[in-house]
Amino acid sequence: MVQHLPGLAYGSDPRQELDLFLPEKHAPRLFVFIHGGGWRGGDKGHYQALGELLAGFGYAVALPNHRLAPQHPYPAAIEDVAAAIACVLRYAPESGIRSEGMFLGGHSSGAHLAALLAVHPRYRPEGEVAGVICISGVYELSAYAAAEDYLGPVFGDDPAVWADASPLRHLHPGVPPFFLAHAEFDYPGAGAQAAAMARGVKAVGGSAQVTEVPGRDHVTILSGVQSILDPLAVGLAMFLRSAQ
């Protein structure tokens, strides 16, 4: 049976809450999954089924919300998710969650945040990260300079900030393994972003797997998963097994 603990506050802002799913397993690994929504929307509530599923597989699953742009531009979201993870780990002795071997994951803007958490020296969580699952993420913001009207309210207009917020700029030896998925009909450049991130990870001696999910778009890459035989589910299961 999975224990669901909703609405746990890790800060004073109403958005600084997380849902926690605890499995009936001794010392489970932590799996943090960050919602999408373009850094300015989205909610942990959209991923309850995923939390239940992963907890059923024996993971302690944290689904954090974070403050939203444009009212709270970068680095508010990444600071919030880092704080949420620190909060979960702070209570690990009581919850029984392992502080080592955690997985970070996310969809869309959440994938960007998961990747940035894993590699940025300012935000990396305490404890070993066993793997990073990024679904339809952005890893080099400068590739979307033409979308300044969209990204500007999130990251401002300083190229140095865009560079700081780009996971590709922070790769280093010792980065955890990456699973990078994108849809056949994803946002423009999604496949190129995943491929570039994979090349960067491998260039510093890490491992990275890229999976294209046929027939899906930016939304249905997740919502379209109907069975464990789905290409995304199979790829993810194999990645998690290899990272154990």
Protein backbone atom coordinates (compact mmCIF):
# COMPACT_ATOMS: atom_id res chain seq x y z
CA MET A 1 0.00 0.00 0.00
CA VAL A 2 1.25 3.50 -0.87
CA GLN A 3 1.05 6.25 1.75
CA HIS A 4 0.14 9.62 0.19
CA LEU A 5 1.11 12.78 2.10
CA PRO A 6 -0.28 15.78 0.16
CA GLY A 7 0.42 19.47 0.55
CA LEU A 8 3.59 19.34 2.65
CA ALA A 9 4.99 22.88 3.02
CA TYR A 10 8.70 23.45 2.45
CA GLY A 11 8.41 27.27 2.48
CA SER A 12 6.01 30.09 3.28
CA ASP A 13 4.68 30.76 -0.23
CA PRO A 14 1.47 28.88 -1.16
CA ARG A 15 3.32 27.37 -4.14
CA GLN A 16 6.08 25.99 -1.93
CA GLU A 17 4.40 22.67 -1.29
CA LEU A 18 5.08 19.08 -2.29
CA ASP A 19 3.20 15.80 -2.35
CA LEU A 20 5.03 12.75 -1.01
CA PHE A 21 4.25 9.12 -1.83
CA LEU A 22 5.84 6.51 0.45
CA PRO A 23 5.95 2.82 -0.48
CA GLU A 24 5.86 -0.11 1.90
CA LYS A 25 9.57 -0.70 1.48
CA HIS A 26 12.55 -0.31 3.76
CA ALA A 27 14.83 2.62 2.90
CA PRO A 28 13.34 3.47 -0.51
CA ARG A 29 15.18 5.63 -3.01
CA LEU A 30 13.85 9.12 -3.60
CA PHE A 31 12.38 9.98 -7.01
CA VAL A 32 11.69 13.70 -7.51
CA PHE A 33 9.51 14.58 -10.50
CA ILE A 34 9.02 18.25 -11.46
CA HIS A 35 5.91 19.42 -13.30
CA GLY A 36 5.94 21.21 -16.64
CA GLY A 37 4.15 24.43 -17.54
CA GLY A 38 6.70 26.74 -19.13
CA TRP A 39 8.05 27.91 -15.73
CA ARG A 40 4.88 29.99 -15.39
CA GLY A 41 2.19 27.35 -14.89
CA GLY A 42 1.59 23.70 -14.14
CA ASP A 43 0.91 21.84 -10.93
CA LYS A 44 2.01 18.73 -9.07
CA GLY A 45 -1.61 17.57 -9.09
CA HIS A 46 -1.30 16.65 -12.77
CA TYR A 47 1.21 13.91 -11.90
CA GLN A 48 -0.58 12.09 -9.07
CA ALA A 49 -0.98 8.92 -11.14
CA LEU A 50 2.76 8.94 -11.88
CA GLY A 51 3.51 9.33 -8.18
CA GLU A 52 1.29 6.38 -7.33
CA LEU A 53 2.84 4.27 -10.09
CA LEU A 54 6.45 4.95 -9.12
CA ALA A 55 5.70 4.44 -5.43
CA GLY A 56 4.14 1.12 -6.38
CA PHE A 57 7.52 0.21 -7.87
CA GLY A 58 9.19 0.93 -4.53
CA TYR A 59 10.30 4.56 -4.85
CA ALA A 60 9.56 7.37 -2.42
CA VAL A 61 8.16 9.98 -4.81
CA ALA A 62 8.21 13.74 -4.23
CA LEU A 63 6.14 15.98 -6.52
CA PRO A 64 7.04 19.61 -5.74
CA ASN A 65 5.33 22.77 -6.85
CA HIS A 66 7.43 25.91 -7.26
CA ARG A 67 6.85 29.63 -7.55
CA LEU A 68 5.95 30.80 -11.04
CA ALA A 69 7.23 33.41 -13.49
CA PRO A 70 6.83 36.21 -14.34
CA GLN A 71 6.12 37.19 -10.76
CA HIS A 72 8.97 34.97 -9.64
CA PRO A 73 11.58 34.81 -12.44
CA TYR A 74 14.72 32.68 -12.53
CA PRO A 75 16.20 31.45 -10.24
CA ALA A 76 13.05 31.17 -8.08
CA ALA A 77 11.85 27.85 -9.54
CA ILE A 78 15.20 26.07 -9.28
CA GLU A 79 15.77 27.44 -5.79
CA ASP A 80 12.35 26.15 -4.76
CA VAL A 81 12.88 22.63 -6.07
CA ALA A 82 16.30 22.49 -4.42
CA ALA A 83 14.67 23.58 -1.16
CA ALA A 84 11.93 20.96 -1.54
CA ILE A 85 14.52 18.19 -1.95
CA ALA A 86 16.50 19.47 1.03
CA CYS A 87 13.31 19.41 3.10
CA VAL A 88 12.54 15.80 2.17
CA LEU A 89 16.10 14.73 2.95
CA ARG A 90 16.10 16.63 6.25
CA TYR A 91 13.32 14.36 7.47
CA ALA A 92 14.81 11.20 5.94
CA PRO A 93 15.57 9.67 9.37
CA GLU A 94 11.85 9.82 10.22
CA SER A 95 10.51 8.81 6.80
CA GLY A 96 13.12 6.15 6.14
CA ILE A 97 13.97 7.56 2.69
CA ARG A 98 17.53 6.97 1.51
CA SER A 99 19.59 10.11 1.03
CA GLU A 100 21.80 8.43 -1.58
CA GLY A 101 20.90 7.21 -5.04
CA MET A 102 18.01 9.55 -5.78
CA PHE A 103 16.49 10.12 -9.21
CA LEU A 104 15.56 13.53 -10.59
CA GLY A 105 13.01 13.87 -13.36
CA GLY A 106 10.62 16.23 -15.03
CA HIS A 107 8.57 17.10 -18.09
CA SER A 108 9.08 20.19 -20.28
CA SER A 109 10.20 23.07 -18.04
CA GLY A 110 10.38 20.48 -15.26
CA ALA A 111 12.90 18.51 -17.33
CA HIS A 112 14.98 21.67 -17.67
CA LEU A 113 14.89 22.13 -13.89
CA ALA A 114 15.77 18.48 -13.23
CA ALA A 115 18.77 18.67 -15.54
CA LEU A 116 19.91 21.96 -14.02
CA LEU A 117 19.59 20.56 -10.50
CA ALA A 118 21.78 17.62 -11.43
CA VAL A 119 24.68 19.64 -12.86
CA HIS A 120 24.64 23.20 -11.48
CA PRO A 121 27.10 23.58 -8.56
CA ARG A 122 24.78 26.04 -6.82
CA TYR A 123 21.74 23.76 -6.77
CA ARG A 124 22.96 20.14 -6.75
CA PRO A 125 21.23 18.26 -3.93
CA GLU A 126 23.06 16.62 -1.06
CA GLY A 127 23.63 12.95 -1.67
CA GLU A 128 24.32 10.96 -4.81
CA VAL A 129 22.06 11.39 -7.84
CA ALA A 130 21.72 7.99 -9.52
CA GLY A 131 20.06 9.25 -12.68
CA VAL A 132 18.17 12.08 -14.38
CA ILE A 133 15.00 11.56 -16.45
CA CYS A 134 14.27 14.47 -18.79
CA ILE A 135 11.16 14.41 -20.97
CA SER A 136 10.90 17.11 -23.66
CA GLY A 137 13.28 19.49 -21.92
CA VAL A 138 15.36 22.52 -22.90
CA TYR A 139 19.07 22.38 -22.09
CA GLU A 140 20.59 25.32 -24.00
CA LEU A 141 18.47 28.45 -23.78
CA SER A 142 20.48 30.45 -26.31
CA ALA A 143 19.11 28.18 -29.04
CA TYR A 144 15.80 29.97 -28.50
CA ALA A 145 17.00 33.55 -28.64
CA ALA A 146 14.23 34.26 -31.17
CA ALA A 147 11.69 33.33 -28.47
CA GLU A 148 12.77 36.18 -26.18
CA ASP A 149 9.18 37.36 -25.81
CA TYR A 150 8.37 34.02 -24.22
CA LEU A 151 11.58 33.35 -22.30
CA GLY A 152 12.31 36.95 -21.30
CA PRO A 153 9.68 37.09 -18.51
CA VAL A 154 11.27 33.95 -17.04
CA PHE A 155 15.01 34.54 -17.53
CA GLY A 156 15.30 38.28 -18.23
CA ASP A 157 17.40 39.79 -21.01
CA ASP A 158 20.94 39.21 -19.70
CA PRO A 159 22.79 36.56 -21.79
CA ALA A 160 24.83 35.65 -18.71
CA VAL A 161 21.63 34.65 -16.90
CA TRP A 162 20.50 32.56 -19.87
CA ALA A 163 23.89 30.82 -19.82
CA ASP A 164 23.68 30.24 -16.07
CA ALA A 165 20.22 28.70 -16.51
CA SER A 166 21.36 26.33 -19.31
CA PRO A 167 22.26 22.82 -18.09
CA LEU A 168 24.61 22.31 -21.04
CA ARG A 169 26.85 25.06 -19.66
CA HIS A 170 27.44 23.22 -16.38
CA LEU A 171 28.43 19.73 -17.47
CA HIS A 172 31.45 18.30 -15.68
CA PRO A 173 33.13 14.93 -15.10
CA GLY A 174 31.08 12.86 -12.70
CA VAL A 175 27.64 13.95 -13.94
CA PRO A 176 24.94 11.30 -13.35
CA PRO A 177 23.47 9.22 -16.18
CA PHE A 178 20.78 10.93 -18.28
CA PHE A 179 17.65 9.55 -19.94
CA LEU A 180 16.50 12.13 -22.51
CA ALA A 181 13.15 11.58 -24.21
CA HIS A 182 11.33 13.67 -26.79
CA ALA A 183 8.29 13.16 -28.99
CA GLU A 184 8.18 12.81 -32.75
CA PHE A 185 5.94 15.90 -32.94
CA ASP A 186 7.43 17.78 -29.99
CA TYR A 187 8.16 21.51 -29.80
CA PRO A 188 10.59 22.73 -32.52
CA GLY A 189 14.14 21.66 -31.74
CA ALA A 190 13.31 19.19 -28.96
CA GLY A 191 15.22 16.38 -30.63
CA ALA A 192 18.22 18.60 -31.27
CA GLN A 193 18.20 19.73 -27.64
CA ALA A 194 18.17 16.13 -26.38
CA ALA A 195 20.93 15.13 -28.80
CA ALA A 196 23.10 18.10 -27.80
CA MET A 197 22.66 17.33 -24.11
CA ALA A 198 23.56 13.69 -24.70
CA ARG A 199 26.71 14.67 -26.62
CA GLY A 200 27.68 17.05 -23.84
CA VAL A 201 27.19 14.45 -21.11
CA LYS A 202 29.24 11.89 -23.05
CA ALA A 203 31.97 14.46 -23.73
CA VAL A 204 32.65 14.75 -20.00
CA GLY A 205 32.68 10.98 -19.54
CA GLY A 206 29.06 10.42 -18.56
CA SER A 207 26.36 8.24 -20.06
CA ALA A 208 23.22 9.43 -21.82
CA GLN A 209 20.38 7.74 -23.66
CA VAL A 210 18.10 9.52 -26.14
CA THR A 211 14.63 8.13 -26.93
CA GLU A 212 12.24 9.50 -29.54
CA VAL A 213 8.63 8.49 -28.91
CA PRO A 214 6.84 8.03 -32.25
CA GLY A 215 3.43 9.50 -32.95
CA ARG A 216 3.36 11.74 -29.86
CA ASP A 217 3.53 15.48 -29.25
CA HIS A 218 4.76 17.63 -26.36
CA VAL A 219 1.73 16.77 -24.20
CA THR A 220 0.89 13.22 -25.23
CA ILE A 221 4.45 12.00 -24.76
CA LEU A 222 3.34 11.45 -21.14
CA SER A 223 -0.45 11.42 -21.27
CA GLY A 224 -0.41 8.88 -24.09
CA VAL A 225 1.36 6.20 -22.04
CA GLN A 226 -1.23 3.44 -21.67
CA SER A 227 0.82 0.36 -20.79
CA ILE A 228 4.24 -0.79 -19.60
CA LEU A 229 4.96 -1.77 -23.22
CA ASP A 230 4.84 1.86 -24.34
CA PRO A 231 8.19 2.95 -25.86
CA LEU A 232 8.65 5.65 -23.21
CA ALA A 233 7.78 3.26 -20.37
CA VAL A 234 10.10 0.55 -21.69
CA GLY A 235 12.99 2.96 -22.14
CA LEU A 236 12.48 4.46 -18.70
CA ALA A 237 12.24 1.03 -17.03
CA MET A 238 15.48 -0.09 -18.66
CA PHE A 239 17.21 3.11 -17.63
CA LEU A 240 16.08 2.79 -14.00
CA ARG A 241 17.21 -0.82 -13.88
CA SER A 242 20.63 0.03 -15.27
CA ALA A 243 21.04 2.82 -12.67
CA GLN A 244 20.26 0.60 -9.68
